[in-house]
Amino acid sequence: MHDIIPAWVNGKLKPLDKLEVHERALKHKAVSVFIIAGNETLIQQRALHKYHTPGLWTNSCCTHPHWNELPNNCAIRRINEELGIKSKSNLIYRNQIEYKADVGNNLFEHELVDIFTLEIVDKKDLTININALEVMSTRWIDFTSLQYEIANDPHKFTPWLKIYLNKYTSQIRPSS
């Protein structure tokens, strides 16, 4: 793996290899998107070959920005790369949060995440073309049911999705 992402080393932001960043649990930049239609959100199941958290359900999409890539541009790029969605008109910046999580196999996330939502009026009008290298499956679920599923089957979900919905729901969905 030779993806270069922005991470902090001794308080200075540097371009580093993504795997090294996760092995060393370095704080790094990230972007997460929740695609929302009414009370439902689109979640994805991560592809089985992903180097961490394969096969787990997570938010609509998430990634690390390229070096010097703006968070908004990163979110738009990744929605297209993972889900084949080109819409960007309703992308809303929500907040920046920081979290730490063990993602298994001696890998760790310590992310400073810019959270975005993409508001969809009617999910039937949204065309999704998943990238099988990134995503196994998608499904729509209302937030209450998602929180219930996470509480009853937490091992099926990524650590960051559990953190987002446990601590930051009001920032993701300000009206809730």
N, C-alpha and C. Protein backbone atom coordinates (compact mmCIF):
# COMPACT_ATOMS: atom_id res chain seq x y z
N MET A 1 0.85 -1.18 0.00
CA MET A 1 0.00 0.00 0.00
C MET A 1 0.89 1.23 0.00
N HIS A 2 0.64 2.15 -0.90
CA HIS A 2 1.44 3.35 -0.96
C HIS A 2 0.56 4.58 -1.08
N ASP A 3 -0.55 4.58 -0.38
CA ASP A 3 -1.40 5.76 -0.34
C ASP A 3 -0.79 6.73 0.66
N ILE A 4 -0.60 7.95 0.23
CA ILE A 4 -0.01 8.98 1.09
C ILE A 4 -1.12 9.86 1.62
N ILE A 5 -1.15 10.02 2.95
CA ILE A 5 -2.19 10.82 3.59
C ILE A 5 -1.54 11.82 4.56
N PRO A 6 -2.26 12.88 4.92
CA PRO A 6 -1.73 13.85 5.87
C PRO A 6 -1.87 13.34 7.31
N ALA A 7 -0.73 13.30 8.02
CA ALA A 7 -0.73 12.85 9.42
C ALA A 7 0.24 13.72 10.21
N TRP A 8 0.01 13.79 11.51
CA TRP A 8 0.86 14.59 12.38
C TRP A 8 1.95 13.72 13.01
N VAL A 9 3.17 14.22 12.93
CA VAL A 9 4.30 13.62 13.62
C VAL A 9 4.97 14.73 14.42
N ASN A 10 5.02 14.53 15.73
CA ASN A 10 5.61 15.55 16.62
C ASN A 10 4.99 16.93 16.38
N GLY A 11 3.68 16.96 16.21
CA GLY A 11 2.96 18.22 16.05
C GLY A 11 3.02 18.86 14.68
N LYS A 12 3.68 18.20 13.72
CA LYS A 12 3.80 18.77 12.38
C LYS A 12 3.09 17.86 11.37
N LEU A 13 2.27 18.46 10.50
CA LEU A 13 1.55 17.70 9.48
C LEU A 13 2.51 17.31 8.37
N LYS A 14 2.51 16.00 8.05
CA LYS A 14 3.42 15.48 7.03
C LYS A 14 2.69 14.48 6.14
N PRO A 15 3.14 14.31 4.90
CA PRO A 15 2.58 13.27 4.04
C PRO A 15 3.24 11.92 4.38
N LEU A 16 2.41 10.94 4.80
CA LEU A 16 2.93 9.64 5.20
C LEU A 16 2.13 8.51 4.56
N ASP A 17 2.73 7.34 4.51
CA ASP A 17 2.06 6.15 4.01
C ASP A 17 0.89 5.79 4.93
N LYS A 18 -0.26 5.52 4.34
CA LYS A 18 -1.48 5.25 5.11
C LYS A 18 -1.32 4.08 6.07
N LEU A 19 -0.73 2.99 5.62
CA LEU A 19 -0.57 1.82 6.49
C LEU A 19 0.33 2.16 7.68
N GLU A 20 1.40 2.88 7.44
CA GLU A 20 2.29 3.30 8.53
C GLU A 20 1.54 4.15 9.55
N VAL A 21 0.71 5.05 9.06
CA VAL A 21 -0.08 5.92 9.94
C VAL A 21 -0.97 5.07 10.85
N HIS A 22 -1.61 4.05 10.29
CA HIS A 22 -2.50 3.20 11.09
C HIS A 22 -1.72 2.28 12.02
N GLU A 23 -0.57 1.84 11.62
CA GLU A 23 0.27 0.99 12.48
C GLU A 23 0.80 1.78 13.68
N ARG A 24 1.15 3.04 13.45
CA ARG A 24 1.72 3.88 14.51
C ARG A 24 0.66 4.65 15.28
N ALA A 25 -0.60 4.50 14.91
CA ALA A 25 -1.72 5.20 15.56
C ALA A 25 -1.52 6.71 15.55
N LEU A 26 -1.00 7.22 14.44
CA LEU A 26 -0.79 8.66 14.32
C LEU A 26 -2.10 9.37 14.02
N LYS A 27 -2.25 10.54 14.60
CA LYS A 27 -3.40 11.38 14.29
C LYS A 27 -3.30 11.80 12.82
N HIS A 28 -4.43 11.67 12.09
CA HIS A 28 -4.43 11.99 10.67
C HIS A 28 -5.78 12.54 10.24
N LYS A 29 -5.78 13.18 9.08
CA LYS A 29 -7.00 13.79 8.54
C LYS A 29 -7.89 12.72 7.91
N ALA A 30 -9.20 12.94 8.00
CA ALA A 30 -10.17 12.03 7.40
C ALA A 30 -11.44 12.82 7.05
N VAL A 31 -12.25 12.18 6.23
CA VAL A 31 -13.54 12.73 5.81
C VAL A 31 -14.57 11.61 5.90
N SER A 32 -15.73 11.91 6.46
CA SER A 32 -16.84 10.96 6.50
C SER A 32 -18.11 11.64 5.98
N VAL A 33 -18.89 10.87 5.21
CA VAL A 33 -20.12 11.39 4.63
C VAL A 33 -21.28 10.50 5.04
N PHE A 34 -22.37 11.12 5.42
CA PHE A 34 -23.64 10.45 5.66
C PHE A 34 -24.61 10.92 4.58
N ILE A 35 -25.09 10.01 3.76
CA ILE A 35 -26.11 10.34 2.77
C ILE A 35 -27.45 10.09 3.45
N ILE A 36 -28.29 11.12 3.47
CA ILE A 36 -29.52 11.08 4.26
C ILE A 36 -30.71 11.42 3.38
N ALA A 37 -31.77 10.61 3.53
CA ALA A 37 -33.06 10.86 2.89
C ALA A 37 -34.11 10.78 3.98
N GLY A 38 -34.63 11.92 4.38
CA GLY A 38 -35.61 11.94 5.46
C GLY A 38 -34.97 11.45 6.75
N ASN A 39 -35.53 10.37 7.33
CA ASN A 39 -35.00 9.81 8.57
C ASN A 39 -34.07 8.62 8.31
N GLU A 40 -33.75 8.38 7.04
CA GLU A 40 -32.90 7.23 6.71
C GLU A 40 -31.52 7.68 6.26
N THR A 41 -30.56 6.80 6.47
CA THR A 41 -29.21 7.04 5.98
C THR A 41 -28.76 5.82 5.19
N LEU A 42 -27.94 6.07 4.22
CA LEU A 42 -27.37 5.00 3.41
C LEU A 42 -26.12 4.50 4.13
N ILE A 43 -26.07 3.19 4.40
CA ILE A 43 -24.86 2.61 4.97
C ILE A 43 -24.26 1.65 3.96
N GLN A 44 -22.98 1.41 4.11
CA GLN A 44 -22.30 0.49 3.20
C GLN A 44 -21.60 -0.60 3.99
N GLN A 45 -21.48 -1.75 3.35
CA GLN A 45 -20.70 -2.85 3.90
C GLN A 45 -19.36 -2.84 3.18
N ARG A 46 -18.29 -2.73 3.95
CA ARG A 46 -16.95 -2.62 3.38
C ARG A 46 -16.55 -3.91 2.67
N ALA A 47 -15.82 -3.77 1.57
CA ALA A 47 -15.37 -4.92 0.79
C ALA A 47 -14.52 -5.85 1.67
N LEU A 48 -14.55 -7.12 1.36
CA LEU A 48 -13.87 -8.12 2.18
C LEU A 48 -12.34 -8.05 2.10
N HIS A 49 -11.80 -7.46 1.06
CA HIS A 49 -10.35 -7.39 0.95
C HIS A 49 -9.74 -6.14 1.60
N LYS A 50 -10.57 -5.29 2.20
CA LYS A 50 -10.05 -4.09 2.85
C LYS A 50 -9.06 -4.50 3.95
N TYR A 51 -8.00 -3.73 4.13
CA TYR A 51 -6.96 -4.14 5.06
C TYR A 51 -7.34 -3.97 6.53
N HIS A 52 -8.38 -3.22 6.80
CA HIS A 52 -8.96 -3.26 8.16
C HIS A 52 -10.48 -3.16 8.06
N THR A 53 -11.13 -3.70 9.04
CA THR A 53 -12.59 -3.75 9.18
C THR A 53 -13.32 -4.25 7.92
N PRO A 54 -12.82 -5.31 7.27
CA PRO A 54 -13.50 -5.83 6.08
C PRO A 54 -14.87 -6.42 6.44
N GLY A 55 -15.84 -6.20 5.57
CA GLY A 55 -17.17 -6.79 5.75
C GLY A 55 -18.03 -6.11 6.78
N LEU A 56 -17.52 -5.07 7.44
CA LEU A 56 -18.32 -4.39 8.45
C LEU A 56 -19.14 -3.27 7.81
N TRP A 57 -20.28 -3.00 8.43
CA TRP A 57 -21.16 -1.92 7.98
C TRP A 57 -20.66 -0.60 8.55
N THR A 58 -20.78 0.45 7.75
CA THR A 58 -20.32 1.77 8.17
C THR A 58 -21.18 2.85 7.52
N ASN A 59 -20.82 4.09 7.76
CA ASN A 59 -21.56 5.21 7.16
C ASN A 59 -21.40 5.20 5.64
N SER A 60 -22.08 6.10 4.97
CA SER A 60 -22.16 6.09 3.51
C SER A 60 -20.80 6.01 2.84
N CYS A 61 -19.86 6.82 3.25
CA CYS A 61 -18.49 6.68 2.77
C CYS A 61 -17.54 7.45 3.67
N CYS A 62 -16.30 7.02 3.65
CA CYS A 62 -15.27 7.69 4.44
C CYS A 62 -13.92 7.42 3.80
N THR A 63 -12.99 8.32 4.06
CA THR A 63 -11.66 8.20 3.45
C THR A 63 -10.70 9.16 4.11
N HIS A 64 -9.50 9.16 3.58
CA HIS A 64 -8.48 10.12 3.96
C HIS A 64 -8.22 11.03 2.76
N PRO A 65 -8.10 12.32 3.00
CA PRO A 65 -7.79 13.21 1.87
C PRO A 65 -6.37 12.97 1.38
N HIS A 66 -6.16 13.26 0.12
CA HIS A 66 -4.81 13.28 -0.41
C HIS A 66 -4.08 14.48 0.20
N TRP A 67 -2.77 14.47 0.11
CA TRP A 67 -1.99 15.59 0.60
C TRP A 67 -2.46 16.87 -0.10
N ASN A 68 -2.78 17.89 0.65
CA ASN A 68 -3.24 19.21 0.18
C ASN A 68 -4.64 19.18 -0.45
N GLU A 69 -5.39 18.11 -0.31
CA GLU A 69 -6.76 18.07 -0.84
C GLU A 69 -7.72 18.66 0.19
N LEU A 70 -8.58 19.54 -0.26
CA LEU A 70 -9.57 20.15 0.63
C LEU A 70 -10.62 19.11 1.04
N PRO A 71 -11.12 19.17 2.27
CA PRO A 71 -12.10 18.19 2.74
C PRO A 71 -13.34 18.07 1.85
N ASN A 72 -13.89 19.20 1.41
CA ASN A 72 -15.07 19.19 0.56
C ASN A 72 -14.79 18.44 -0.75
N ASN A 73 -13.65 18.74 -1.36
CA ASN A 73 -13.28 18.06 -2.61
C ASN A 73 -13.06 16.57 -2.37
N CYS A 74 -12.48 16.24 -1.24
CA CYS A 74 -12.26 14.84 -0.89
C CYS A 74 -13.59 14.10 -0.74
N ALA A 75 -14.54 14.72 -0.06
CA ALA A 75 -15.86 14.10 0.12
C ALA A 75 -16.54 13.85 -1.22
N ILE A 76 -16.51 14.84 -2.09
CA ILE A 76 -17.12 14.69 -3.42
C ILE A 76 -16.43 13.58 -4.21
N ARG A 77 -15.10 13.57 -4.17
CA ARG A 77 -14.34 12.53 -4.87
C ARG A 77 -14.70 11.14 -4.37
N ARG A 78 -14.75 11.00 -3.05
CA ARG A 78 -14.95 9.66 -2.49
C ARG A 78 -16.39 9.15 -2.67
N ILE A 79 -17.37 10.03 -2.63
CA ILE A 79 -18.74 9.60 -2.90
C ILE A 79 -18.82 8.99 -4.30
N ASN A 80 -18.12 9.61 -5.24
CA ASN A 80 -18.09 9.10 -6.60
C ASN A 80 -17.29 7.80 -6.69
N GLU A 81 -16.11 7.75 -6.08
CA GLU A 81 -15.25 6.57 -6.17
C GLU A 81 -15.86 5.34 -5.52
N GLU A 82 -16.52 5.50 -4.38
CA GLU A 82 -17.07 4.35 -3.66
C GLU A 82 -18.46 3.98 -4.14
N LEU A 83 -19.29 4.99 -4.39
CA LEU A 83 -20.71 4.75 -4.64
C LEU A 83 -21.18 5.14 -6.03
N GLY A 84 -20.31 5.75 -6.83
CA GLY A 84 -20.69 6.17 -8.17
C GLY A 84 -21.68 7.32 -8.18
N ILE A 85 -21.74 8.06 -7.08
CA ILE A 85 -22.68 9.18 -6.97
C ILE A 85 -21.94 10.47 -7.31
N LYS A 86 -22.48 11.20 -8.28
CA LYS A 86 -21.83 12.42 -8.74
C LYS A 86 -22.44 13.69 -8.15
N SER A 87 -23.55 13.56 -7.45
CA SER A 87 -24.23 14.73 -6.88
C SER A 87 -23.37 15.38 -5.82
N LYS A 88 -23.29 16.69 -5.87
CA LYS A 88 -22.57 17.42 -4.84
C LYS A 88 -23.32 18.66 -4.39
N SER A 89 -24.44 18.93 -5.00
CA SER A 89 -25.15 20.18 -4.71
C SER A 89 -25.69 20.25 -3.29
N ASN A 90 -25.99 19.12 -2.69
CA ASN A 90 -26.56 19.13 -1.36
C ASN A 90 -25.58 18.70 -0.28
N LEU A 91 -24.28 18.73 -0.57
CA LEU A 91 -23.26 18.36 0.40
C LEU A 91 -23.14 19.46 1.45
N ILE A 92 -23.30 19.09 2.71
CA ILE A 92 -23.30 20.07 3.80
C ILE A 92 -22.20 19.70 4.80
N TYR A 93 -21.34 20.66 5.10
CA TYR A 93 -20.33 20.45 6.13
C TYR A 93 -21.02 20.54 7.49
N ARG A 94 -20.77 19.55 8.36
CA ARG A 94 -21.42 19.52 9.67
C ARG A 94 -20.49 19.92 10.81
N ASN A 95 -19.32 19.30 10.86
CA ASN A 95 -18.40 19.60 11.96
C ASN A 95 -17.12 18.81 11.78
N GLN A 96 -16.16 19.11 12.64
CA GLN A 96 -14.93 18.35 12.68
C GLN A 96 -14.85 17.70 14.06
N ILE A 97 -14.57 16.40 14.07
CA ILE A 97 -14.46 15.68 15.33
C ILE A 97 -13.17 14.88 15.34
N GLU A 98 -12.75 14.50 16.52
CA GLU A 98 -11.56 13.68 16.67
C GLU A 98 -11.93 12.43 17.46
N TYR A 99 -11.43 11.29 17.03
CA TYR A 99 -11.66 10.06 17.77
C TYR A 99 -10.47 9.12 17.60
N LYS A 100 -10.41 8.13 18.49
CA LYS A 100 -9.40 7.07 18.43
C LYS A 100 -10.12 5.74 18.52
N ALA A 101 -9.65 4.75 17.73
CA ALA A 101 -10.28 3.42 17.77
C ALA A 101 -9.29 2.35 17.32
N ASP A 102 -9.36 1.22 17.98
CA ASP A 102 -8.63 0.02 17.57
C ASP A 102 -9.46 -0.62 16.46
N VAL A 103 -8.86 -0.81 15.28
CA VAL A 103 -9.61 -1.39 14.16
C VAL A 103 -9.15 -2.82 13.85
N GLY A 104 -8.40 -3.42 14.77
CA GLY A 104 -7.97 -4.81 14.64
C GLY A 104 -6.65 -4.95 13.90
N ASN A 105 -6.07 -6.14 14.00
CA ASN A 105 -4.80 -6.47 13.33
C ASN A 105 -3.68 -5.49 13.65
N ASN A 106 -3.65 -5.01 14.91
CA ASN A 106 -2.63 -4.04 15.35
C ASN A 106 -2.65 -2.75 14.55
N LEU A 107 -3.85 -2.35 14.11
CA LEU A 107 -4.04 -1.10 13.38
C LEU A 107 -4.99 -0.21 14.18
N PHE A 108 -4.77 1.10 14.06
CA PHE A 108 -5.54 2.05 14.85
C PHE A 108 -5.92 3.26 14.02
N GLU A 109 -7.09 3.77 14.30
CA GLU A 109 -7.52 5.04 13.73
C GLU A 109 -7.39 6.10 14.83
N HIS A 110 -6.78 7.19 14.49
CA HIS A 110 -6.77 8.39 15.33
C HIS A 110 -7.03 9.53 14.35
N GLU A 111 -8.29 9.79 14.14
CA GLU A 111 -8.68 10.68 13.05
C GLU A 111 -9.22 12.02 13.52
N LEU A 112 -8.85 13.03 12.77
CA LEU A 112 -9.48 14.34 12.84
C LEU A 112 -10.38 14.39 11.60
N VAL A 113 -11.67 14.21 11.81
CA VAL A 113 -12.62 13.94 10.73
C VAL A 113 -13.50 15.15 10.43
N ASP A 114 -13.57 15.50 9.16
CA ASP A 114 -14.56 16.47 8.70
C ASP A 114 -15.79 15.68 8.30
N ILE A 115 -16.91 15.97 8.97
CA ILE A 115 -18.17 15.26 8.74
C ILE A 115 -19.04 16.06 7.78
N PHE A 116 -19.56 15.37 6.77
CA PHE A 116 -20.47 15.97 5.80
C PHE A 116 -21.74 15.13 5.72
N THR A 117 -22.83 15.79 5.34
CA THR A 117 -24.03 15.06 4.96
C THR A 117 -24.38 15.44 3.53
N LEU A 118 -24.96 14.48 2.84
CA LEU A 118 -25.50 14.72 1.51
C LEU A 118 -26.99 14.47 1.63
N GLU A 119 -27.77 15.53 1.56
CA GLU A 119 -29.22 15.44 1.76
C GLU A 119 -29.89 15.10 0.43
N ILE A 120 -30.66 14.03 0.43
CA ILE A 120 -31.38 13.56 -0.75
C ILE A 120 -32.87 13.72 -0.50
N VAL A 121 -33.58 14.34 -1.42
CA VAL A 121 -35.02 14.53 -1.25
C VAL A 121 -35.74 13.20 -1.36
N ASP A 122 -35.45 12.43 -2.41
CA ASP A 122 -36.11 11.14 -2.62
C ASP A 122 -35.05 10.11 -2.99
N LYS A 123 -34.84 9.14 -2.13
CA LYS A 123 -33.78 8.16 -2.36
C LYS A 123 -34.00 7.36 -3.64
N LYS A 124 -35.23 7.29 -4.13
CA LYS A 124 -35.50 6.57 -5.39
C LYS A 124 -34.87 7.28 -6.59
N ASP A 125 -34.58 8.58 -6.43
CA ASP A 125 -33.96 9.35 -7.50
C ASP A 125 -32.43 9.26 -7.49
N LEU A 126 -31.88 8.57 -6.49
CA LEU A 126 -30.42 8.47 -6.36
C LEU A 126 -29.93 7.19 -7.02
N THR A 127 -29.04 7.33 -7.97
CA THR A 127 -28.44 6.17 -8.63
C THR A 127 -27.13 5.83 -7.93
N ILE A 128 -27.03 4.59 -7.45
CA ILE A 128 -25.83 4.12 -6.76
C ILE A 128 -25.19 3.04 -7.63
N ASN A 129 -23.92 3.23 -7.94
CA ASN A 129 -23.13 2.24 -8.68
C ASN A 129 -21.90 1.93 -7.84
N ILE A 130 -22.02 0.94 -6.96
CA ILE A 130 -20.93 0.67 -6.02
C ILE A 130 -19.67 0.18 -6.74
N ASN A 131 -18.55 0.56 -6.18
CA ASN A 131 -17.24 0.10 -6.62
C ASN A 131 -16.94 -1.15 -5.80
N ALA A 132 -16.96 -2.31 -6.41
CA ALA A 132 -16.80 -3.58 -5.69
C ALA A 132 -15.43 -3.70 -5.03
N LEU A 133 -14.46 -2.90 -5.43
CA LEU A 133 -13.17 -2.92 -4.76
C LEU A 133 -13.23 -2.25 -3.40
N GLU A 134 -14.26 -1.44 -3.18
CA GLU A 134 -14.42 -0.69 -1.94
C GLU A 134 -15.63 -1.13 -1.11
N VAL A 135 -16.72 -1.48 -1.80
CA VAL A 135 -18.01 -1.69 -1.14
C VAL A 135 -18.62 -3.01 -1.56
N MET A 136 -19.08 -3.80 -0.58
CA MET A 136 -19.79 -5.05 -0.88
C MET A 136 -21.27 -4.83 -1.14
N SER A 137 -21.84 -3.96 -0.33
CA SER A 137 -23.29 -3.78 -0.38
C SER A 137 -23.66 -2.44 0.24
N THR A 138 -24.87 -1.98 -0.07
CA THR A 138 -25.42 -0.78 0.58
C THR A 138 -26.85 -1.07 0.97
N ARG A 139 -27.34 -0.29 1.91
CA ARG A 139 -28.76 -0.36 2.27
C ARG A 139 -29.16 0.92 2.99
N TRP A 140 -30.43 1.23 2.86
CA TRP A 140 -31.00 2.37 3.57
C TRP A 140 -31.55 1.86 4.90
N ILE A 141 -31.37 2.66 5.95
CA ILE A 141 -31.88 2.30 7.27
C ILE A 141 -32.20 3.57 8.03
N ASP A 142 -33.28 3.56 8.79
CA ASP A 142 -33.58 4.74 9.59
C ASP A 142 -32.64 4.75 10.80
N PHE A 143 -32.38 5.93 11.30
CA PHE A 143 -31.39 6.11 12.36
C PHE A 143 -31.74 5.33 13.63
N THR A 144 -33.01 5.27 13.99
CA THR A 144 -33.41 4.52 15.18
C THR A 144 -33.11 3.04 15.02
N SER A 145 -33.44 2.48 13.88
CA SER A 145 -33.15 1.06 13.62
C SER A 145 -31.65 0.81 13.58
N LEU A 146 -30.89 1.74 13.02
CA LEU A 146 -29.45 1.58 12.97
C LEU A 146 -28.86 1.56 14.38
N GLN A 147 -29.31 2.47 15.22
CA GLN A 147 -28.82 2.47 16.60
C GLN A 147 -29.21 1.19 17.33
N TYR A 148 -30.40 0.67 17.05
CA TYR A 148 -30.84 -0.60 17.65
C TYR A 148 -29.94 -1.75 17.18
N GLU A 149 -29.68 -1.81 15.88
CA GLU A 149 -28.82 -2.88 15.34
C GLU A 149 -27.41 -2.80 15.93
N ILE A 150 -26.88 -1.61 16.04
CA ILE A 150 -25.54 -1.45 16.61
C ILE A 150 -25.53 -1.92 18.06
N ALA A 151 -26.56 -1.58 18.82
CA ALA A 151 -26.62 -1.99 20.22
C ALA A 151 -26.72 -3.51 20.36
N ASN A 152 -27.43 -4.16 19.44
CA ASN A 152 -27.65 -5.60 19.54
C ASN A 152 -26.62 -6.44 18.82
N ASP A 153 -25.93 -5.90 17.84
CA ASP A 153 -24.92 -6.63 17.06
C ASP A 153 -23.72 -5.73 16.77
N PRO A 154 -23.06 -5.22 17.79
CA PRO A 154 -22.01 -4.22 17.57
C PRO A 154 -20.84 -4.71 16.73
N HIS A 155 -20.58 -6.01 16.72
CA HIS A 155 -19.45 -6.56 15.95
C HIS A 155 -19.66 -6.47 14.44
N LYS A 156 -20.86 -6.12 13.98
CA LYS A 156 -21.14 -6.01 12.55
C LYS A 156 -20.86 -4.60 12.00
N PHE A 157 -20.44 -3.67 12.88
CA PHE A 157 -20.29 -2.27 12.49
C PHE A 157 -18.88 -1.77 12.79
N THR A 158 -18.43 -0.80 12.01
CA THR A 158 -17.10 -0.23 12.22
C THR A 158 -17.06 0.54 13.54
N PRO A 159 -15.89 0.58 14.16
CA PRO A 159 -15.78 1.34 15.42
C PRO A 159 -16.16 2.81 15.26
N TRP A 160 -15.78 3.42 14.14
CA TRP A 160 -16.07 4.85 13.98
C TRP A 160 -17.56 5.12 13.83
N LEU A 161 -18.30 4.23 13.17
CA LEU A 161 -19.75 4.45 13.06
C LEU A 161 -20.38 4.40 14.45
N LYS A 162 -19.94 3.47 15.27
CA LYS A 162 -20.47 3.38 16.64
C LYS A 162 -20.15 4.65 17.42
N ILE A 163 -18.95 5.17 17.26
CA ILE A 163 -18.57 6.41 17.95
C ILE A 163 -19.39 7.58 17.43
N TYR A 164 -19.51 7.69 16.10
CA TYR A 164 -20.29 8.80 15.52
C TYR A 164 -21.71 8.82 16.08
N LEU A 165 -22.38 7.67 16.07
CA LEU A 165 -23.79 7.65 16.48
C LEU A 165 -23.95 7.72 17.99
N ASN A 166 -22.94 7.30 18.74
CA ASN A 166 -23.02 7.38 20.19
C ASN A 166 -22.76 8.80 20.70
N LYS A 167 -21.80 9.49 20.08
CA LYS A 167 -21.37 10.78 20.62
C LYS A 167 -21.72 12.00 19.77
N TYR A 168 -21.98 11.81 18.47
CA TYR A 168 -22.07 12.96 17.58
C TYR A 168 -23.33 13.01 16.72
N THR A 169 -24.36 12.28 17.09
CA THR A 169 -25.59 12.26 16.28
C THR A 169 -26.15 13.66 16.09
N SER A 170 -26.13 14.48 17.12
CA SER A 170 -26.70 15.83 17.01
C SER A 170 -25.91 16.70 16.03
N GLN A 171 -24.64 16.38 15.81
CA GLN A 171 -23.86 17.14 14.84
C GLN A 171 -24.08 16.62 13.41
N ILE A 172 -24.37 15.33 13.29
CA ILE A 172 -24.65 14.74 12.00
C ILE A 172 -26.06 15.09 11.56
N ARG A 173 -26.98 15.06 12.51
CA ARG A 173 -28.39 15.36 12.25
C ARG A 173 -28.84 16.44 13.23
N PRO A 174 -28.55 17.69 12.96
CA PRO A 174 -28.85 18.75 13.90
C PRO A 174 -30.30 18.83 14.35
N SER A 175 -31.22 18.37 13.53
CA SER A 175 -32.64 18.46 13.89
C SER A 175 -33.09 17.33 14.79
N SER A 176 -32.21 16.33 15.04
CA SER A 176 -32.65 15.19 15.88
C SER A 176 -32.46 15.45 17.34
